[in-house]
Amino acid sequence: MSSSKKDNNEISLKILILGDSSVGKTSLLLRYSDGYFPIVYVATIGVEYKVKKVNIKGYEISLQIWDTAGQERFRSITNNFIKDADGIVYVYDITEKSTFDSLKQWINQSEESTGDFKKIIVGNKLDLESEREVKIETLEKFCAPKNIKYMETSAKNGANVEELFETLAEMIIGDQSKEEIIRKFSQVKKKGLSILSSNNKKNKSCC
């Protein structure tokens, strides 16, 4: 098989991580893709992505995971990357109820920008259980009417992080045949401009 033909048949899923600033979106991405937890908080400027190859249901798949800025001033940039997403992870901080309250806005924004995609809601910073402001029952009540899958994670200690991304990938693949998967997900994904800045560091623990 030629290199170009092999590239054309490569299965690639585009996953976005959305949520307010400082909920741990970048930390979740780095914990999953590179296996580490950043000890210094760096605000994401615009978008950044990582690629990780995994085996899902017997298929070799490239997960192209996009980390997005949570600040209002970057919403227009974020919208451009939502349009062709295959799956979206909505993240909030279990110790900050305001970030949970923002979920509705994030979901509405993404549903207005794109059509067919799978979604999962994640309460991050499970390692800070003693500071919890959002009970798991509150999350369950929010997700039930919308039939949205949910879980809680800790980017700091890695709890449920691998399960998060691979569960979403399984949801995207579903029970489709190999031919259907290749037809839908082997197209070249637009990667856009990577503009993560390291100039906005703060002396704050990130999780």
N, C-alpha and C. Protein backbone atom coordinates (compact mmCIF):
# COMPACT_ATOMS: atom_id res chain seq x y z
N MET A 1 0.85 -1.19 0.00
CA MET A 1 0.00 0.00 0.00
C MET A 1 0.88 1.24 0.00
N SER A 2 0.57 2.19 -0.88
CA SER A 2 1.37 3.40 -0.96
C SER A 2 1.15 4.25 0.27
N SER A 3 2.13 5.15 0.53
CA SER A 3 2.03 6.02 1.70
C SER A 3 0.81 6.91 1.62
N SER A 4 0.52 7.46 0.43
CA SER A 4 -0.61 8.37 0.29
C SER A 4 -1.93 7.66 0.52
N LYS A 5 -2.03 6.40 0.03
CA LYS A 5 -3.26 5.64 0.23
C LYS A 5 -3.46 5.32 1.70
N LYS A 6 -2.34 4.96 2.37
CA LYS A 6 -2.41 4.67 3.80
C LYS A 6 -2.85 5.89 4.58
N ASP A 7 -2.32 7.07 4.22
CA ASP A 7 -2.69 8.31 4.90
C ASP A 7 -4.16 8.61 4.69
N ASN A 8 -4.68 8.34 3.47
CA ASN A 8 -6.07 8.62 3.17
C ASN A 8 -7.02 7.76 4.00
N ASN A 9 -6.56 6.55 4.39
CA ASN A 9 -7.41 5.65 5.15
C ASN A 9 -7.19 5.74 6.66
N GLU A 10 -6.31 6.62 7.09
CA GLU A 10 -6.06 6.76 8.52
C GLU A 10 -7.28 7.35 9.21
N ILE A 11 -7.71 6.71 10.29
CA ILE A 11 -8.88 7.16 11.02
C ILE A 11 -8.46 8.25 12.01
N SER A 12 -9.07 9.41 11.91
CA SER A 12 -8.72 10.54 12.76
C SER A 12 -9.98 11.17 13.32
N LEU A 13 -10.04 11.28 14.64
CA LEU A 13 -11.19 11.89 15.30
C LEU A 13 -10.79 13.23 15.89
N LYS A 14 -11.60 14.24 15.65
CA LYS A 14 -11.33 15.57 16.19
C LYS A 14 -12.20 15.79 17.43
N ILE A 15 -11.52 16.01 18.56
CA ILE A 15 -12.20 16.20 19.84
C ILE A 15 -11.84 17.57 20.40
N LEU A 16 -12.84 18.32 20.84
CA LEU A 16 -12.62 19.63 21.45
C LEU A 16 -12.86 19.56 22.95
N ILE A 17 -12.10 20.35 23.70
CA ILE A 17 -12.33 20.50 25.13
C ILE A 17 -12.79 21.92 25.38
N LEU A 18 -14.01 22.07 25.90
CA LEU A 18 -14.58 23.39 26.14
C LEU A 18 -14.87 23.58 27.62
N GLY A 19 -14.86 24.83 28.06
CA GLY A 19 -15.18 25.15 29.46
C GLY A 19 -14.54 26.46 29.86
N ASP A 20 -14.92 26.95 31.02
CA ASP A 20 -14.39 28.21 31.54
C ASP A 20 -12.89 28.12 31.78
N SER A 21 -12.27 29.27 31.94
CA SER A 21 -10.84 29.33 32.25
C SER A 21 -10.56 28.67 33.60
N SER A 22 -9.41 28.04 33.71
CA SER A 22 -8.87 27.45 34.94
C SER A 22 -9.63 26.23 35.47
N VAL A 23 -10.48 25.62 34.63
CA VAL A 23 -11.16 24.40 35.08
C VAL A 23 -10.27 23.17 34.91
N GLY A 24 -9.15 23.33 34.17
CA GLY A 24 -8.23 22.21 34.00
C GLY A 24 -8.24 21.58 32.63
N LYS A 25 -8.67 22.31 31.60
CA LYS A 25 -8.73 21.75 30.24
C LYS A 25 -7.35 21.36 29.74
N THR A 26 -6.39 22.27 29.88
CA THR A 26 -5.03 21.99 29.42
C THR A 26 -4.42 20.85 30.23
N SER A 27 -4.68 20.83 31.51
CA SER A 27 -4.12 19.78 32.37
C SER A 27 -4.67 18.40 31.99
N LEU A 28 -5.95 18.34 31.66
CA LEU A 28 -6.53 17.07 31.22
C LEU A 28 -5.87 16.59 29.94
N LEU A 29 -5.67 17.53 29.00
CA LEU A 29 -5.03 17.18 27.74
C LEU A 29 -3.61 16.68 27.95
N LEU A 30 -2.83 17.39 28.75
CA LEU A 30 -1.43 17.01 28.98
C LEU A 30 -1.32 15.71 29.78
N ARG A 31 -2.21 15.51 30.73
CA ARG A 31 -2.20 14.27 31.49
C ARG A 31 -2.46 13.09 30.55
N TYR A 32 -3.40 13.25 29.63
CA TYR A 32 -3.75 12.15 28.73
C TYR A 32 -2.71 11.96 27.63
N SER A 33 -2.28 13.04 27.00
CA SER A 33 -1.39 12.92 25.84
C SER A 33 0.06 12.67 26.23
N ASP A 34 0.53 13.34 27.29
CA ASP A 34 1.95 13.27 27.65
C ASP A 34 2.21 12.63 29.02
N GLY A 35 1.14 12.35 29.75
CA GLY A 35 1.29 11.65 31.01
C GLY A 35 1.83 12.46 32.17
N TYR A 36 1.66 13.77 32.12
CA TYR A 36 2.13 14.58 33.25
C TYR A 36 1.14 15.68 33.59
N PHE A 37 1.32 16.23 34.79
CA PHE A 37 0.45 17.29 35.29
C PHE A 37 1.27 18.57 35.44
N PRO A 38 0.91 19.64 34.74
CA PRO A 38 1.67 20.89 34.83
C PRO A 38 1.50 21.54 36.20
N ILE A 39 2.60 21.92 36.80
CA ILE A 39 2.53 22.51 38.14
C ILE A 39 2.35 24.02 38.12
N VAL A 40 2.49 24.63 36.95
CA VAL A 40 2.31 26.07 36.81
C VAL A 40 1.14 26.32 35.86
N TYR A 41 0.26 27.21 36.26
CA TYR A 41 -0.90 27.55 35.43
C TYR A 41 -0.49 28.42 34.26
N VAL A 42 -0.84 27.99 33.04
CA VAL A 42 -0.57 28.76 31.84
C VAL A 42 -1.89 28.93 31.10
N ALA A 43 -2.37 30.15 30.99
CA ALA A 43 -3.65 30.40 30.32
C ALA A 43 -3.51 30.13 28.83
N THR A 44 -4.41 29.33 28.28
CA THR A 44 -4.39 29.05 26.85
C THR A 44 -4.85 30.27 26.08
N ILE A 45 -4.10 30.62 25.04
CA ILE A 45 -4.45 31.74 24.18
C ILE A 45 -4.91 31.17 22.85
N GLY A 46 -6.21 31.26 22.56
CA GLY A 46 -6.73 30.70 21.32
C GLY A 46 -6.94 29.21 21.45
N VAL A 47 -6.19 28.42 20.67
CA VAL A 47 -6.34 26.96 20.70
C VAL A 47 -4.97 26.29 20.58
N GLU A 48 -4.93 25.04 21.00
CA GLU A 48 -3.74 24.20 20.86
C GLU A 48 -4.23 22.77 20.76
N TYR A 49 -3.45 21.91 20.13
CA TYR A 49 -3.90 20.53 20.02
C TYR A 49 -2.75 19.55 20.23
N LYS A 50 -3.14 18.32 20.57
CA LYS A 50 -2.22 17.21 20.69
C LYS A 50 -2.84 16.03 19.95
N VAL A 51 -1.98 15.13 19.48
CA VAL A 51 -2.46 13.93 18.79
C VAL A 51 -1.98 12.71 19.55
N LYS A 52 -2.89 11.78 19.81
CA LYS A 52 -2.52 10.53 20.46
C LYS A 52 -3.13 9.37 19.71
N LYS A 53 -2.33 8.36 19.41
CA LYS A 53 -2.81 7.18 18.70
C LYS A 53 -3.25 6.14 19.73
N VAL A 54 -4.45 5.62 19.52
CA VAL A 54 -5.01 4.63 20.44
C VAL A 54 -5.69 3.53 19.64
N ASN A 55 -5.96 2.43 20.32
CA ASN A 55 -6.71 1.33 19.71
C ASN A 55 -8.10 1.31 20.33
N ILE A 56 -9.09 1.56 19.51
CA ILE A 56 -10.48 1.59 19.97
C ILE A 56 -11.27 0.55 19.18
N LYS A 57 -11.82 -0.43 19.89
CA LYS A 57 -12.63 -1.48 19.26
C LYS A 57 -11.88 -2.17 18.13
N GLY A 58 -10.56 -2.30 18.29
CA GLY A 58 -9.77 -2.99 17.28
C GLY A 58 -9.26 -2.11 16.16
N TYR A 59 -9.62 -0.82 16.19
CA TYR A 59 -9.18 0.12 15.16
C TYR A 59 -8.05 1.00 15.69
N GLU A 60 -7.03 1.22 14.87
CA GLU A 60 -5.98 2.17 15.20
C GLU A 60 -6.48 3.57 14.85
N ILE A 61 -6.57 4.43 15.84
CA ILE A 61 -7.20 5.73 15.66
C ILE A 61 -6.29 6.85 16.18
N SER A 62 -6.23 7.95 15.43
CA SER A 62 -5.52 9.14 15.90
C SER A 62 -6.54 10.08 16.51
N LEU A 63 -6.39 10.35 17.80
CA LEU A 63 -7.26 11.32 18.46
C LEU A 63 -6.58 12.68 18.38
N GLN A 64 -7.21 13.59 17.68
CA GLN A 64 -6.71 14.96 17.56
C GLN A 64 -7.51 15.79 18.57
N ILE A 65 -6.88 16.10 19.69
CA ILE A 65 -7.59 16.72 20.81
C ILE A 65 -7.22 18.18 20.92
N TRP A 66 -8.22 19.03 20.84
CA TRP A 66 -8.02 20.49 20.84
C TRP A 66 -8.36 21.09 22.19
N ASP A 67 -7.41 21.84 22.72
CA ASP A 67 -7.59 22.59 23.96
C ASP A 67 -7.95 24.02 23.58
N THR A 68 -9.02 24.55 24.14
CA THR A 68 -9.49 25.88 23.75
C THR A 68 -9.45 26.85 24.93
N ALA A 69 -9.32 28.13 24.60
CA ALA A 69 -9.31 29.17 25.64
C ALA A 69 -10.72 29.36 26.19
N GLY A 70 -10.79 29.59 27.49
CA GLY A 70 -12.10 29.77 28.11
C GLY A 70 -12.55 31.22 28.19
N GLN A 71 -11.63 32.15 27.91
CA GLN A 71 -11.98 33.56 28.04
C GLN A 71 -12.96 34.00 26.95
N GLU A 72 -13.84 34.91 27.31
CA GLU A 72 -14.87 35.41 26.40
C GLU A 72 -14.26 35.98 25.12
N ARG A 73 -13.11 36.64 25.22
CA ARG A 73 -12.53 37.31 24.06
C ARG A 73 -12.05 36.34 23.00
N PHE A 74 -11.97 35.05 23.32
CA PHE A 74 -11.52 34.07 22.33
C PHE A 74 -12.67 33.21 21.81
N ARG A 75 -13.91 33.56 22.15
CA ARG A 75 -15.04 32.72 21.74
C ARG A 75 -15.17 32.61 20.23
N SER A 76 -14.87 33.69 19.48
CA SER A 76 -15.01 33.65 18.03
C SER A 76 -13.99 32.68 17.42
N ILE A 77 -12.79 32.63 18.00
CA ILE A 77 -11.78 31.67 17.53
C ILE A 77 -12.24 30.26 17.83
N THR A 78 -12.74 30.05 19.03
CA THR A 78 -13.21 28.72 19.43
C THR A 78 -14.31 28.22 18.50
N ASN A 79 -15.23 29.10 18.11
CA ASN A 79 -16.33 28.71 17.24
C ASN A 79 -15.85 28.12 15.93
N ASN A 80 -14.74 28.64 15.40
CA ASN A 80 -14.21 28.14 14.13
C ASN A 80 -13.76 26.69 14.23
N PHE A 81 -13.35 26.27 15.42
CA PHE A 81 -12.86 24.91 15.59
C PHE A 81 -13.96 23.95 16.02
N ILE A 82 -15.11 24.46 16.41
CA ILE A 82 -16.23 23.62 16.80
C ILE A 82 -16.88 22.98 15.58
N LYS A 83 -16.86 23.68 14.47
CA LYS A 83 -17.68 23.33 13.31
C LYS A 83 -17.53 21.89 12.83
N ASP A 84 -16.30 21.36 12.80
CA ASP A 84 -16.13 20.00 12.29
C ASP A 84 -15.68 19.03 13.38
N ALA A 85 -16.08 19.31 14.62
CA ALA A 85 -15.72 18.42 15.73
C ALA A 85 -16.53 17.12 15.66
N ASP A 86 -15.87 16.02 15.99
CA ASP A 86 -16.55 14.73 16.08
C ASP A 86 -17.06 14.48 17.50
N GLY A 87 -16.40 15.10 18.47
CA GLY A 87 -16.80 14.95 19.86
C GLY A 87 -16.36 16.15 20.68
N ILE A 88 -17.11 16.47 21.72
CA ILE A 88 -16.78 17.62 22.57
C ILE A 88 -16.82 17.20 24.04
N VAL A 89 -15.78 17.61 24.77
CA VAL A 89 -15.70 17.41 26.22
C VAL A 89 -15.98 18.76 26.87
N TYR A 90 -17.03 18.82 27.67
CA TYR A 90 -17.35 20.05 28.41
C TYR A 90 -16.83 19.89 29.84
N VAL A 91 -15.96 20.79 30.26
CA VAL A 91 -15.30 20.63 31.56
C VAL A 91 -15.72 21.74 32.53
N TYR A 92 -15.96 21.36 33.76
CA TYR A 92 -16.16 22.34 34.83
C TYR A 92 -15.34 21.90 36.03
N ASP A 93 -15.19 22.81 36.98
CA ASP A 93 -14.41 22.58 38.19
C ASP A 93 -15.39 22.27 39.32
N ILE A 94 -15.26 21.09 39.93
CA ILE A 94 -16.22 20.72 40.97
C ILE A 94 -16.13 21.62 42.19
N THR A 95 -15.06 22.41 42.31
CA THR A 95 -14.90 23.31 43.46
C THR A 95 -15.36 24.73 43.16
N GLU A 96 -15.85 24.97 41.92
CA GLU A 96 -16.31 26.31 41.52
C GLU A 96 -17.66 26.18 40.82
N LYS A 97 -18.74 26.43 41.55
CA LYS A 97 -20.07 26.23 40.99
C LYS A 97 -20.34 27.10 39.76
N SER A 98 -19.71 28.26 39.70
CA SER A 98 -19.94 29.15 38.56
C SER A 98 -19.52 28.50 37.24
N THR A 99 -18.49 27.63 37.29
CA THR A 99 -18.04 26.96 36.07
C THR A 99 -19.05 25.89 35.65
N PHE A 100 -19.74 25.32 36.61
CA PHE A 100 -20.82 24.37 36.30
C PHE A 100 -22.00 25.11 35.69
N ASP A 101 -22.31 26.28 36.23
CA ASP A 101 -23.42 27.08 35.72
C ASP A 101 -23.19 27.52 34.27
N SER A 102 -21.94 27.56 33.85
CA SER A 102 -21.60 27.99 32.49
C SER A 102 -21.81 26.89 31.45
N LEU A 103 -22.05 25.66 31.91
CA LEU A 103 -22.16 24.54 30.97
C LEU A 103 -23.24 24.76 29.92
N LYS A 104 -24.38 25.27 30.36
CA LYS A 104 -25.49 25.47 29.44
C LYS A 104 -25.08 26.38 28.29
N GLN A 105 -24.34 27.45 28.61
CA GLN A 105 -23.88 28.38 27.59
C GLN A 105 -22.91 27.70 26.62
N TRP A 106 -21.98 26.89 27.16
CA TRP A 106 -21.01 26.20 26.30
C TRP A 106 -21.71 25.20 25.38
N ILE A 107 -22.70 24.49 25.91
CA ILE A 107 -23.42 23.51 25.10
C ILE A 107 -24.22 24.21 24.01
N ASN A 108 -24.91 25.29 24.38
CA ASN A 108 -25.69 26.03 23.38
C ASN A 108 -24.80 26.58 22.28
N GLN A 109 -23.64 27.11 22.67
CA GLN A 109 -22.71 27.68 21.69
C GLN A 109 -22.24 26.63 20.70
N SER A 110 -21.90 25.46 21.19
CA SER A 110 -21.40 24.42 20.29
C SER A 110 -22.50 23.84 19.42
N GLU A 111 -23.70 23.69 19.97
CA GLU A 111 -24.80 23.13 19.17
C GLU A 111 -25.25 24.08 18.08
N GLU A 112 -25.04 25.38 18.28
CA GLU A 112 -25.36 26.35 17.25
C GLU A 112 -24.33 26.33 16.12
N SER A 113 -23.10 25.90 16.45
CA SER A 113 -21.99 25.95 15.49
C SER A 113 -21.85 24.68 14.67
N THR A 114 -22.31 23.56 15.19
CA THR A 114 -22.13 22.30 14.47
C THR A 114 -23.33 21.40 14.71
N GLY A 115 -23.37 20.32 13.96
CA GLY A 115 -24.51 19.43 14.04
C GLY A 115 -24.23 18.13 14.76
N ASP A 116 -23.75 17.14 14.03
CA ASP A 116 -23.64 15.79 14.54
C ASP A 116 -22.32 15.57 15.26
N PHE A 117 -22.35 15.56 16.58
CA PHE A 117 -21.16 15.25 17.37
C PHE A 117 -21.58 14.62 18.69
N LYS A 118 -20.67 13.86 19.28
CA LYS A 118 -20.94 13.24 20.58
C LYS A 118 -20.41 14.16 21.68
N LYS A 119 -21.04 14.08 22.84
CA LYS A 119 -20.65 14.99 23.92
C LYS A 119 -20.57 14.25 25.25
N ILE A 120 -19.71 14.77 26.11
CA ILE A 120 -19.57 14.23 27.46
C ILE A 120 -19.23 15.39 28.40
N ILE A 121 -19.83 15.41 29.58
CA ILE A 121 -19.59 16.46 30.57
C ILE A 121 -18.69 15.91 31.67
N VAL A 122 -17.69 16.72 32.05
CA VAL A 122 -16.69 16.26 33.00
C VAL A 122 -16.52 17.25 34.15
N GLY A 123 -16.65 16.73 35.36
CA GLY A 123 -16.33 17.52 36.55
C GLY A 123 -14.89 17.22 36.93
N ASN A 124 -14.02 18.19 36.78
CA ASN A 124 -12.59 17.98 37.04
C ASN A 124 -12.22 18.43 38.46
N LYS A 125 -11.01 18.07 38.86
CA LYS A 125 -10.42 18.36 40.18
C LYS A 125 -11.05 17.49 41.27
N LEU A 126 -11.26 16.24 40.94
CA LEU A 126 -11.81 15.29 41.90
C LEU A 126 -10.90 15.09 43.10
N ASP A 127 -9.62 15.42 42.94
CA ASP A 127 -8.67 15.31 44.04
C ASP A 127 -8.94 16.36 45.13
N LEU A 128 -9.76 17.37 44.81
CA LEU A 128 -10.10 18.41 45.78
C LEU A 128 -11.50 18.18 46.35
N GLU A 129 -11.79 16.94 46.68
CA GLU A 129 -13.12 16.55 47.17
C GLU A 129 -13.56 17.38 48.37
N SER A 130 -12.63 17.72 49.25
CA SER A 130 -12.99 18.46 50.46
C SER A 130 -13.46 19.88 50.15
N GLU A 131 -13.17 20.37 48.93
CA GLU A 131 -13.57 21.72 48.55
C GLU A 131 -14.74 21.71 47.57
N ARG A 132 -15.35 20.57 47.38
CA ARG A 132 -16.42 20.41 46.40
C ARG A 132 -17.58 21.37 46.62
N GLU A 133 -18.03 22.01 45.54
CA GLU A 133 -19.23 22.86 45.56
C GLU A 133 -20.35 22.27 44.71
N VAL A 134 -20.01 21.37 43.78
CA VAL A 134 -21.01 20.78 42.90
C VAL A 134 -21.12 19.29 43.20
N LYS A 135 -22.25 18.87 43.75
CA LYS A 135 -22.45 17.47 44.08
C LYS A 135 -22.66 16.65 42.81
N ILE A 136 -22.29 15.37 42.87
CA ILE A 136 -22.48 14.49 41.73
C ILE A 136 -23.96 14.37 41.38
N GLU A 137 -24.83 14.47 42.38
CA GLU A 137 -26.26 14.41 42.12
C GLU A 137 -26.73 15.59 41.28
N THR A 138 -26.09 16.74 41.46
CA THR A 138 -26.42 17.93 40.66
C THR A 138 -26.04 17.70 39.20
N LEU A 139 -24.89 17.07 38.99
CA LEU A 139 -24.44 16.73 37.64
C LEU A 139 -25.39 15.73 36.99
N GLU A 140 -25.77 14.72 37.74
CA GLU A 140 -26.69 13.70 37.22
C GLU A 140 -28.02 14.32 36.82
N LYS A 141 -28.52 15.22 37.65
CA LYS A 141 -29.80 15.87 37.37
C LYS A 141 -29.72 16.73 36.12
N PHE A 142 -28.57 17.37 35.91
CA PHE A 142 -28.37 18.22 34.73
C PHE A 142 -28.31 17.38 33.45
N CYS A 143 -27.64 16.25 33.52
CA CYS A 143 -27.39 15.45 32.32
C CYS A 143 -28.56 14.56 31.91
N ALA A 144 -29.34 14.11 32.88
CA ALA A 144 -30.40 13.14 32.60
C ALA A 144 -31.39 13.58 31.52
N PRO A 145 -31.99 14.78 31.61
CA PRO A 145 -32.96 15.18 30.59
C PRO A 145 -32.35 15.32 29.19
N LYS A 146 -31.07 15.61 29.14
CA LYS A 146 -30.38 15.81 27.86
C LYS A 146 -29.74 14.52 27.35
N ASN A 147 -29.79 13.47 28.18
CA ASN A 147 -29.19 12.18 27.83
C ASN A 147 -27.71 12.34 27.47
N ILE A 148 -26.99 13.12 28.28
CA ILE A 148 -25.56 13.35 28.06
C ILE A 148 -24.76 12.51 29.04
N LYS A 149 -23.74 11.85 28.55
CA LYS A 149 -22.87 11.05 29.41
C LYS A 149 -22.01 11.98 30.25
N TYR A 150 -21.64 11.53 31.45
CA TYR A 150 -20.85 12.37 32.35
C TYR A 150 -19.90 11.53 33.17
N MET A 151 -18.89 12.17 33.71
CA MET A 151 -17.99 11.53 34.67
C MET A 151 -17.21 12.61 35.41
N GLU A 152 -16.49 12.21 36.45
CA GLU A 152 -15.62 13.13 37.17
C GLU A 152 -14.18 12.65 37.04
N THR A 153 -13.26 13.61 36.98
CA THR A 153 -11.85 13.29 36.75
C THR A 153 -10.95 14.10 37.67
N SER A 154 -9.69 13.70 37.69
CA SER A 154 -8.65 14.51 38.31
C SER A 154 -7.45 14.49 37.37
N ALA A 155 -7.17 15.64 36.78
CA ALA A 155 -5.97 15.74 35.94
C ALA A 155 -4.72 15.59 36.80
N LYS A 156 -4.83 15.96 38.06
CA LYS A 156 -3.66 15.92 38.95
C LYS A 156 -3.20 14.50 39.22
N ASN A 157 -4.13 13.62 39.59
CA ASN A 157 -3.72 12.24 39.89
C ASN A 157 -4.08 11.25 38.79
N GLY A 158 -4.70 11.75 37.73
CA GLY A 158 -5.00 10.91 36.57
C GLY A 158 -6.29 10.13 36.64
N ALA A 159 -7.07 10.30 37.70
CA ALA A 159 -8.30 9.53 37.86
C ALA A 159 -9.26 9.75 36.70
N ASN A 160 -9.61 8.67 36.01
CA ASN A 160 -10.61 8.64 34.94
C ASN A 160 -10.24 9.43 33.69
N VAL A 161 -9.02 9.93 33.59
CA VAL A 161 -8.65 10.75 32.43
C VAL A 161 -8.58 9.91 31.16
N GLU A 162 -7.91 8.78 31.23
CA GLU A 162 -7.84 7.90 30.06
C GLU A 162 -9.22 7.42 29.66
N GLU A 163 -10.02 7.04 30.65
CA GLU A 163 -11.38 6.58 30.38
C GLU A 163 -12.21 7.65 29.70
N LEU A 164 -12.00 8.91 30.08
CA LEU A 164 -12.74 10.03 29.51
C LEU A 164 -12.59 10.07 27.99
N PHE A 165 -11.36 10.18 27.51
CA PHE A 165 -11.14 10.36 26.08
C PHE A 165 -11.45 9.09 25.28
N GLU A 166 -11.16 7.94 25.85
CA GLU A 166 -11.40 6.72 25.10
C GLU A 166 -12.88 6.33 25.10
N THR A 167 -13.60 6.72 26.15
CA THR A 167 -15.05 6.52 26.15
C THR A 167 -15.70 7.39 25.07
N LEU A 168 -15.25 8.64 24.96
CA LEU A 168 -15.80 9.52 23.93
C LEU A 168 -15.48 8.98 22.54
N ALA A 169 -14.27 8.48 22.35
CA ALA A 169 -13.90 7.90 21.04
C ALA A 169 -14.80 6.72 20.71
N GLU A 170 -15.09 5.88 21.70
CA GLU A 170 -15.98 4.74 21.48
C GLU A 170 -17.39 5.21 21.11
N MET A 171 -17.84 6.29 21.75
CA MET A 171 -19.15 6.84 21.43
C MET A 171 -19.20 7.33 19.98
N ILE A 172 -18.12 7.95 19.52
CA ILE A 172 -18.07 8.48 18.15
C ILE A 172 -18.08 7.34 17.14
N ILE A 173 -17.26 6.32 17.39
CA ILE A 173 -17.18 5.17 16.48
C ILE A 173 -18.48 4.38 16.48
N GLY A 174 -19.03 4.17 17.66
CA GLY A 174 -20.29 3.44 17.78
C GLY A 174 -20.20 2.04 17.22
N ASP A 175 -21.27 1.59 16.56
CA ASP A 175 -21.32 0.25 15.97
C ASP A 175 -21.17 0.29 14.46
N GLN A 176 -20.56 1.35 13.95
CA GLN A 176 -20.40 1.48 12.51
C GLN A 176 -19.40 0.45 11.98
N SER A 177 -19.58 0.08 10.72
CA SER A 177 -18.66 -0.84 10.08
C SER A 177 -17.34 -0.14 9.79
N LYS A 178 -16.31 -0.93 9.50
CA LYS A 178 -15.01 -0.36 9.19
C LYS A 178 -15.11 0.56 7.98
N GLU A 179 -15.88 0.15 6.99
CA GLU A 179 -16.05 0.97 5.78
C GLU A 179 -16.68 2.31 6.11
N GLU A 180 -17.70 2.30 6.99
CA GLU A 180 -18.37 3.54 7.37
C GLU A 180 -17.42 4.44 8.16
N ILE A 181 -16.64 3.84 9.04
CA ILE A 181 -15.70 4.61 9.87
C ILE A 181 -14.66 5.29 8.99
N ILE A 182 -14.09 4.53 8.04
CA ILE A 182 -13.09 5.11 7.15
C ILE A 182 -13.69 6.22 6.30
N ARG A 183 -14.91 6.00 5.82
CA ARG A 183 -15.56 7.01 4.97
C ARG A 183 -15.81 8.30 5.74
N LYS A 184 -16.19 8.19 7.00
CA LYS A 184 -16.55 9.37 7.79
C LYS A 184 -15.37 10.06 8.43
N PHE A 185 -14.35 9.27 8.81
CA PHE A 185 -13.31 9.84 9.66
C PHE A 185 -11.89 9.78 9.08
N SER A 186 -11.74 9.43 7.81
CA SER A 186 -10.39 9.36 7.25
C SER A 186 -10.03 10.63 6.49
N GLN A 187 -10.99 11.56 6.38
CA GLN A 187 -10.69 12.79 5.67
C GLN A 187 -9.68 13.63 6.43
N VAL A 188 -8.94 14.45 5.69
CA VAL A 188 -7.94 15.32 6.31
C VAL A 188 -8.65 16.37 7.15
N LYS A 189 -8.23 16.50 8.42
CA LYS A 189 -8.83 17.49 9.31
C LYS A 189 -8.05 18.79 9.24
N LYS A 190 -8.74 19.90 9.20
CA LYS A 190 -8.05 21.18 9.22
C LYS A 190 -7.48 21.43 10.61
N LYS A 191 -6.20 21.68 10.68
CA LYS A 191 -5.55 21.85 11.98
C LYS A 191 -5.47 23.31 12.40
N GLY A 192 -5.60 24.22 11.46
CA GLY A 192 -5.62 25.63 11.83
C GLY A 192 -4.32 26.11 12.43
N LEU A 193 -4.41 27.17 13.16
CA LEU A 193 -3.24 27.82 13.73
C LEU A 193 -3.11 27.49 15.20
N SER A 194 -1.95 27.01 15.59
CA SER A 194 -1.68 26.69 16.99
C SER A 194 -1.08 27.92 17.65
N ILE A 195 -1.81 28.48 18.61
CA ILE A 195 -1.34 29.74 19.19
C ILE A 195 -1.38 29.70 20.71
N LEU A 196 -0.83 28.63 21.27
CA LEU A 196 -0.71 28.56 22.73
C LEU A 196 0.43 29.47 23.16
N SER A 197 0.18 30.36 24.09
CA SER A 197 1.22 31.28 24.54
C SER A 197 1.78 30.84 25.87
N SER A 198 3.08 30.97 26.03
CA SER A 198 3.72 30.66 27.31
C SER A 198 4.09 31.93 28.05
N ASN A 199 3.57 33.04 27.54
CA ASN A 199 3.92 34.33 28.14
C ASN A 199 2.94 34.76 29.22
N ASN A 200 1.93 33.93 29.45
CA ASN A 200 0.87 34.33 30.37
C ASN A 200 0.88 33.45 31.61
N LYS A 201 2.08 33.12 32.10
CA LYS A 201 2.20 32.23 33.25
C LYS A 201 1.85 32.95 34.55
N LYS A 202 1.22 32.16 35.43
CA LYS A 202 0.90 32.69 36.75
C LYS A 202 1.41 31.69 37.77
N ASN A 203 1.76 32.16 38.91
CA ASN A 203 2.23 31.27 39.96
C ASN A 203 1.02 30.68 40.68
N LYS A 204 0.36 29.77 39.96
CA LYS A 204 -0.85 29.16 40.51
C LYS A 204 -0.84 27.67 40.18
N SER A 205 -1.21 26.85 41.12
CA SER A 205 -1.27 25.44 40.85
C SER A 205 -2.40 25.15 39.90
N CYS A 206 -2.16 24.32 38.91
CA CYS A 206 -3.16 24.01 37.90
C CYS A 206 -3.59 22.57 38.00
N CYS A 207 -4.91 22.27 37.99
CA CYS A 207 -5.32 20.87 38.08
C CYS A 207 -6.59 20.56 37.34
